[in-house]
Structures are given as structure tokens and as C-alpha cells.
Amino acid sequence: MANTRPRASDLGVHIGIFEPGPHNSITDVSEVSVGHITICEGTGQLQIGKGPVRTGVTAILPHQENVFVRKVTGAVHVVNGFGKALGFLQVQELGVIESPIVLTSTLSIWRAADALIDYMSKNNPGVYSFNPVVGECNDGYLNDIVGRHVRSEHILGAIENANSPNSEEGNIGGGTGMTGFEWKGGIGTASRLCETPQGTFTVGALTMTNTGDPREFRIDGTRIGRHLLPPKAEFDPTNAPGSIIMVIGTNAPVDSRQLGRICRRAALGLGRAGGTASHSSGDFIIAFSNSIHPNKMDDADLTPLFIGAIESTEEAVVNSVLRAETMVGRDGNTRHGIPIEQVRELLSERTG
């Protein structure tokens, strides 16, 4: 069934000052594609290894060629390191990404990395070392996380099914079992068109949102969480748990150092949506530029790209919550989709 829940733009919200790309998605960046595999099986009490299963895989392809051969400029930033990201250190050290970027459940990242090695080895015979890039968030509240139900065919399926444009959001792919500000969370995406002296470039964001205190949730500055909380919300106000992976893509001709500067601004977008990077929240950002002419911009001209990263991340986080539907998982654990009509009413009360 198609997801009919609205995005921020459908509610008349225009976050920030820049215009979005034609699909308001990371796939507005030329050549970028996204694929999802969703695994939703079983109900009832948890039986480790059997389910219920509420998980999946999201794959981001920086371009349509062999990424190991045509590596892309890369950068990473750790806001809070309570997580298990794979491949990020080599990206930080060398400034390039050589694999699709895969997002999935925390305890499945090693299986995802194994599948990526199989995928890259098949496509690059004679090569004996690879740096698979995998990000994770913990979906254990709804999912049989220890059962590790993500398998090689799911990783390969997400890569092979990647397409553009792609604005799928909410309970899909790696976001299937995720929580956002104690509401149901998941995948969100957005983009911005950024005018610079060198030309207009696109910055896009995709987030797998599994973090946040519901009282802090904001939509374009409106304190939604001040007036609207999940039913029977149970959370520790000193330590909202969870994680978030923020992926930033652009076609701007920047080098790795400059991309790192852009990458770090995504944390401001998370903050504008109400994220606080609590003690147990693993908040990671990974960015890429698929331009074939890196190091062609002056630092003084990067500010529009900074703004694009902030605005697209903020909107992606908001969309990941708005588009996620109520889900019942293992042991009857439930995450409720945020009630859209009440959100609409709160937004209509804004004075400007």
C-alpha cells in the first residue's frame, strides 16, 4: 500500500530559505540512486532467531558506475560516537568512498559488510581489499535484533533495486523498525539547490532517524513536542536513547576537507529539528561528492552549500517522522505515527 502520509512540504511548511530540488530528495543530486528492502514478518512474543521481524536495508549509490573504480570524494563526522559505523575511519583518513553506502539494523552491519565485499569482489576481480561502508541504528524495540534477519540477498537487493528519483520515506528499508522522538521514525530525505559563484549545485540529505526526546521535536521552529507527546510516553528525560545516520550528497566540486566542512553542518540541521545527541545516541554523518572535478571551489564560496546541508537535513529528519506509520513489533511493543491532524493544527497556529 502506498504511503499517503504527508511530507513537511505537503503541510505548507517551507523549511529554510533555499528551494528544494524537483523531488526534494537526495536523488536530486545527479547520478545518485536509492534502494530499499523492507523485512516485516511475524507478530507476538519475541523468539530470538524467529521474530517478529521489523527491519530492512537502505542503499545509497553515489553514481551509476563501479564505485570502487570511480571512487567519490568522502568525509565523515561523529557528533556522538555511541555506535558501530563500519568503514568510516578509512573514509576520514583517505577522503574517498569506494562502496555503496548501506544503512541497516545495529547487529546486522557485519553481515551487510560481508555482502558488500561479495558485491565489490564480484565486480572487481583481482582486488583483495575493500572498505565497505555501513551505518546502523538500533531497531530492537520493535525488531528481533539479535536474530539478525538481514541477509546477503537483502543487501544485494537494495543495491540492485536502487532507483532515481526516489522519495520513499518512513517505515521502509533500514528505517522499518526505527523510532523518531519516541514516535515512529524511519527514513527521510530532502534536497536544496545552492547558488554559488561557480554555479548552482544540489545538496541532498537522507536520514535514518532513531533518536530524540519527544518534547524537543520541532517542525520549522514550531515546538511540536511542547503540545503533543506520544501516548503513554515512556522516556528518560536525561537520556533520550537512539541513533541517527545522516547521509549528505552533492555534485559540488569540493575536496574532502571542504566536504568535511559541509558534512559537519548537518548536525545543525538535526539540532534545528530537536535532536540533542544524548549519551546513548550514536549520531554519525557521512558525506560524498560525485563531482569528477574536485578541488574547484574556494572556501569563501562554500556557505550556500553549508546552508543546503543544514536545511536538507532538518527537513529529512522531519519527513522521517511525519511519513512513518504506526507499527506494532515484538512483544506487542508499539511506536505510534505522529497524528497528522494535530500537527497540522499546531502548525496553523504559528504567527510567523
Foldseek 3Di string as FASTA:
>chain_A
DDQPFDACVVLVDDFDDFDFAPLFFQLSFPQKWKFWDWDADDEEADDQLPFRAFWAKMWIDQHDDQCQVQWFFKAKDWPAALADKFLRVVCHVPRTARFIEMEIARVQVVQLQVLRCVVNCVVDPPDDDHGHTYGYKHLVLFISRNSNPDHSVRNVNRVVRIDPPDQDAALIGRLVRAAALLARFAKFKGKGWFQFPVGIKIKMKIKGHRWHHLQQFDDSQQRPSVPDDDVVDDDDPQFTAMEMEMEMEMQDQEHSVLQNVLQVLLVLLCVSRRGDNGNHYGYMYMYTHSHPRHPPDDSVGCVSSSSRSNRGSNSRSSRRQSRHAWDQGHNRRIHHRGDPVSVSVSVVPDPD
